[in-house]
Amino acid sequence: MDFWRGRAQCLEGLRAMAPAIERIEAVRQVAEGDDVITWYDMTRTGGHVVPTVNRSHLRGGRIDRVRVLFDTAPLR
Protein backbone atom coordinates (compact mmCIF):
# COMPACT_ATOMS: atom_id res chain seq x y z
CA MET A 1 0.00 0.00 0.00
CA ASP A 2 1.35 3.42 -0.90
CA PHE A 3 0.88 6.43 1.33
CA TRP A 4 1.16 10.01 0.28
CA ARG A 5 2.74 12.18 2.92
CA GLY A 6 1.94 15.86 3.06
CA ARG A 7 0.23 18.28 0.76
CA ALA A 8 2.79 18.16 -2.07
CA GLN A 9 2.72 14.35 -2.42
CA CYS A 10 -1.07 14.30 -2.24
CA LEU A 11 -1.41 16.90 -5.01
CA GLU A 12 1.21 15.12 -7.12
CA GLY A 13 -0.66 11.82 -6.79
CA LEU A 14 -4.01 13.40 -7.65
CA ARG A 15 -2.53 15.09 -10.72
CA ALA A 16 -1.09 11.76 -11.88
CA MET A 17 -4.52 10.09 -11.54
CA ALA A 18 -6.47 12.91 -13.21
CA PRO A 19 -6.06 11.78 -16.86
CA ALA A 20 -7.70 8.43 -16.03
CA ILE A 21 -10.73 10.00 -14.34
CA GLU A 22 -13.64 11.33 -16.34
CA ARG A 23 -15.94 12.38 -13.50
CA ILE A 24 -16.42 12.19 -9.73
CA GLU A 25 -19.96 12.36 -8.41
CA ALA A 26 -20.61 12.60 -4.66
CA VAL A 27 -23.36 10.25 -3.53
CA ARG A 28 -23.45 10.93 0.22
CA GLN A 29 -21.45 12.72 2.86
CA VAL A 30 -21.64 12.16 6.62
CA ALA A 31 -19.78 14.10 9.32
CA GLU A 32 -19.35 13.20 12.96
CA GLY A 33 -17.01 15.25 15.08
CA ASP A 34 -13.69 15.56 13.27
CA ASP A 35 -14.41 12.72 10.84
CA VAL A 36 -16.05 13.09 7.43
CA ILE A 37 -16.95 10.18 5.18
CA THR A 38 -17.74 10.83 1.53
CA TRP A 39 -19.18 8.12 -0.73
CA TYR A 40 -18.70 8.88 -4.41
CA ASP A 41 -18.73 7.26 -7.82
CA MET A 42 -15.47 7.75 -9.68
CA THR A 43 -15.99 7.33 -13.42
CA ARG A 44 -12.83 6.38 -15.22
CA THR A 45 -12.08 7.39 -18.77
CA GLY A 46 -14.05 4.92 -20.87
CA GLY A 47 -17.07 4.94 -18.57
CA HIS A 48 -16.21 2.34 -15.90
CA VAL A 49 -17.66 3.47 -12.53
CA VAL A 50 -15.64 2.71 -9.40
CA PRO A 51 -17.63 3.13 -6.16
CA THR A 52 -15.29 4.80 -3.67
CA VAL A 53 -15.37 5.94 -0.04
CA ASN A 54 -13.09 8.60 1.40
CA ARG A 55 -12.59 9.15 5.14
CA SER A 56 -11.08 12.49 6.07
CA HIS A 57 -10.00 13.48 9.57
CA LEU A 58 -9.82 17.13 10.55
CA ARG A 59 -7.50 18.75 13.04
CA GLY A 60 -7.77 22.44 13.76
CA GLY A 61 -10.23 22.85 10.87
CA ARG A 62 -7.81 21.34 8.33
CA ILE A 63 -7.61 17.87 6.82
CA ASP A 64 -4.73 15.98 8.41
CA ARG A 65 -5.51 12.43 7.19
CA VAL A 66 -7.37 10.89 4.30
CA ARG A 67 -8.08 7.22 3.68
CA VAL A 68 -9.62 6.07 0.41
CA LEU A 69 -11.15 2.63 -0.12
CA PHE A 70 -12.30 1.00 -3.36
CA ASP A 71 -12.27 -2.37 -5.08
CA THR A 72 -9.16 -2.50 -7.27
CA ALA A 73 -10.21 -5.66 -9.17
CA PRO A 74 -11.98 -3.79 -12.01
CA LEU A 75 -8.87 -1.64 -12.53
CA ARG A 76 -6.54 -4.56 -13.25
C-alpha atoms as a PDB file:
ATOM      1  CA  MET A   1       0.000   0.000   0.000  1.00  0.00           C
ATOM      2  CA  ASP A   2       1.349   3.421  -0.896  1.00  0.00           C
ATOM      3  CA  PHE A   3       0.875   6.426   1.330  1.00  0.00           C
ATOM      4  CA  TRP A   4       1.165  10.007   0.277  1.00  0.00           C
ATOM      5  CA  ARG A   5       2.738  12.181   2.918  1.00  0.00           C
ATOM      6  CA  GLY A   6       1.937  15.859   3.062  1.00  0.00           C
ATOM      7  CA  ARG A   7       0.229  18.280   0.762  1.00  0.00           C
ATOM      8  CA  ALA A   8       2.790  18.159  -2.070  1.00  0.00           C
ATOM      9  CA  GLN A   9       2.717  14.353  -2.422  1.00  0.00           C
ATOM     10  CA  CYS A  10      -1.070  14.297  -2.245  1.00  0.00           C
ATOM     11  CA  LEU A  11      -1.413  16.896  -5.005  1.00  0.00           C
ATOM     12  CA  GLU A  12       1.212  15.120  -7.123  1.00  0.00           C
ATOM     13  CA  GLY A  13      -0.662  11.824  -6.793  1.00  0.00           C
ATOM     14  CA  LEU A  14      -4.012  13.395  -7.649  1.00  0.00           C
ATOM     15  CA  ARG A  15      -2.534  15.088 -10.722  1.00  0.00           C
ATOM     16  CA  ALA A  16      -1.090  11.756 -11.876  1.00  0.00           C
ATOM     17  CA  MET A  17      -4.517  10.095 -11.538  1.00  0.00           C
ATOM     18  CA  ALA A  18      -6.471  12.906 -13.207  1.00  0.00           C
ATOM     19  CA  PRO A  19      -6.056  11.778 -16.861  1.00  0.00           C
ATOM     20  CA  ALA A  20      -7.700   8.434 -16.027  1.00  0.00           C
ATOM     21  CA  ILE A  21     -10.730   9.996 -14.339  1.00  0.00           C
ATOM     22  CA  GLU A  22     -13.636  11.326 -16.344  1.00  0.00           C
ATOM     23  CA  ARG A  23     -15.941  12.381 -13.496  1.00  0.00           C
ATOM     24  CA  ILE A  24     -16.415  12.187  -9.727  1.00  0.00           C
ATOM     25  CA  GLU A  25     -19.957  12.356  -8.408  1.00  0.00           C
ATOM     26  CA  ALA A  26     -20.606  12.599  -4.662  1.00  0.00           C
ATOM     27  CA  VAL A  27     -23.362  10.252  -3.532  1.00  0.00           C
ATOM     28  CA  ARG A  28     -23.452  10.930   0.217  1.00  0.00           C
ATOM     29  CA  GLN A  29     -21.449  12.719   2.862  1.00  0.00           C
ATOM     30  CA  VAL A  30     -21.641  12.162   6.617  1.00  0.00           C
ATOM     31  CA  ALA A  31     -19.783  14.096   9.315  1.00  0.00           C
ATOM     32  CA  GLU A  32     -19.349  13.200  12.963  1.00  0.00           C
ATOM     33  CA  GLY A  33     -17.013  15.255  15.083  1.00  0.00           C
ATOM     34  CA  ASP A  34     -13.689  15.565  13.271  1.00  0.00           C
ATOM     35  CA  ASP A  35     -14.412  12.724  10.838  1.00  0.00           C
ATOM     36  CA  VAL A  36     -16.047  13.095   7.426  1.00  0.00           C
ATOM     37  CA  ILE A  37     -16.948  10.181   5.178  1.00  0.00           C
ATOM     38  CA  THR A  38     -17.741  10.833   1.527  1.00  0.00           C
ATOM     39  CA  TRP A  39     -19.176   8.120  -0.728  1.00  0.00           C
ATOM     40  CA  TYR A  40     -18.697   8.879  -4.415  1.00  0.00           C
ATOM     41  CA  ASP A  41     -18.730   7.263  -7.817  1.00  0.00           C
ATOM     42  CA  MET A  42     -15.467   7.753  -9.682  1.00  0.00           C
ATOM     43  CA  THR A  43     -15.990   7.330 -13.424  1.00  0.00           C
ATOM     44  CA  ARG A  44     -12.830   6.378 -15.216  1.00  0.00           C
ATOM     45  CA  THR A  45     -12.077   7.386 -18.774  1.00  0.00           C
ATOM     46  CA  GLY A  46     -14.047   4.916 -20.875  1.00  0.00           C
ATOM     47  CA  GLY A  47     -17.071   4.942 -18.570  1.00  0.00           C
ATOM     48  CA  HIS A  48     -16.210   2.341 -15.897  1.00  0.00           C
ATOM     49  CA  VAL A  49     -17.664   3.466 -12.534  1.00  0.00           C
ATOM     50  CA  VAL A  50     -15.636   2.707  -9.405  1.00  0.00           C
ATOM     51  CA  PRO A  51     -17.630   3.135  -6.156  1.00  0.00           C
ATOM     52  CA  THR A  52     -15.289   4.802  -3.665  1.00  0.00           C
ATOM     53  CA  VAL A  53     -15.368   5.938  -0.041  1.00  0.00           C
ATOM     54  CA  ASN A  54     -13.095   8.604   1.397  1.00  0.00           C
ATOM     55  CA  ARG A  55     -12.593   9.146   5.135  1.00  0.00           C
ATOM     56  CA  SER A  56     -11.081  12.489   6.074  1.00  0.00           C
ATOM     57  CA  HIS A  57     -10.004  13.478   9.565  1.00  0.00           C
ATOM     58  CA  LEU A  58      -9.820  17.129  10.550  1.00  0.00           C
ATOM     59  CA  ARG A  59      -7.500  18.747  13.044  1.00  0.00           C
ATOM     60  CA  GLY A  60      -7.773  22.440  13.758  1.00  0.00           C
ATOM     61  CA  GLY A  61     -10.225  22.848  10.868  1.00  0.00           C
ATOM     62  CA  ARG A  62      -7.805  21.337   8.328  1.00  0.00           C
ATOM     63  CA  ILE A  63      -7.607  17.870   6.821  1.00  0.00           C
ATOM     64  CA  ASP A  64      -4.732  15.980   8.414  1.00  0.00           C
ATOM     65  CA  ARG A  65      -5.509  12.432   7.193  1.00  0.00           C
ATOM     66  CA  VAL A  66      -7.372  10.886   4.296  1.00  0.00           C
ATOM     67  CA  ARG A  67      -8.081   7.225   3.679  1.00  0.00           C
ATOM     68  CA  VAL A  68      -9.625   6.075   0.405  1.00  0.00           C
ATOM     69  CA  LEU A  69     -11.149   2.630  -0.121  1.00  0.00           C
ATOM     70  CA  PHE A  70     -12.297   1.001  -3.355  1.00  0.00           C
ATOM     71  CA  ASP A  71     -12.265  -2.365  -5.079  1.00  0.00           C
ATOM     72  CA  THR A  72      -9.159  -2.501  -7.272  1.00  0.00           C
ATOM     73  CA  ALA A  73     -10.211  -5.659  -9.170  1.00  0.00           C
ATOM     74  CA  PRO A  74     -11.983  -3.792 -12.012  1.00  0.00           C
ATOM     75  CA  LEU A  75      -8.868  -1.637 -12.532  1.00  0.00           C
ATOM     76  CA  ARG A  76      -6.542  -4.559 -13.254  1.00  0.00           C
END
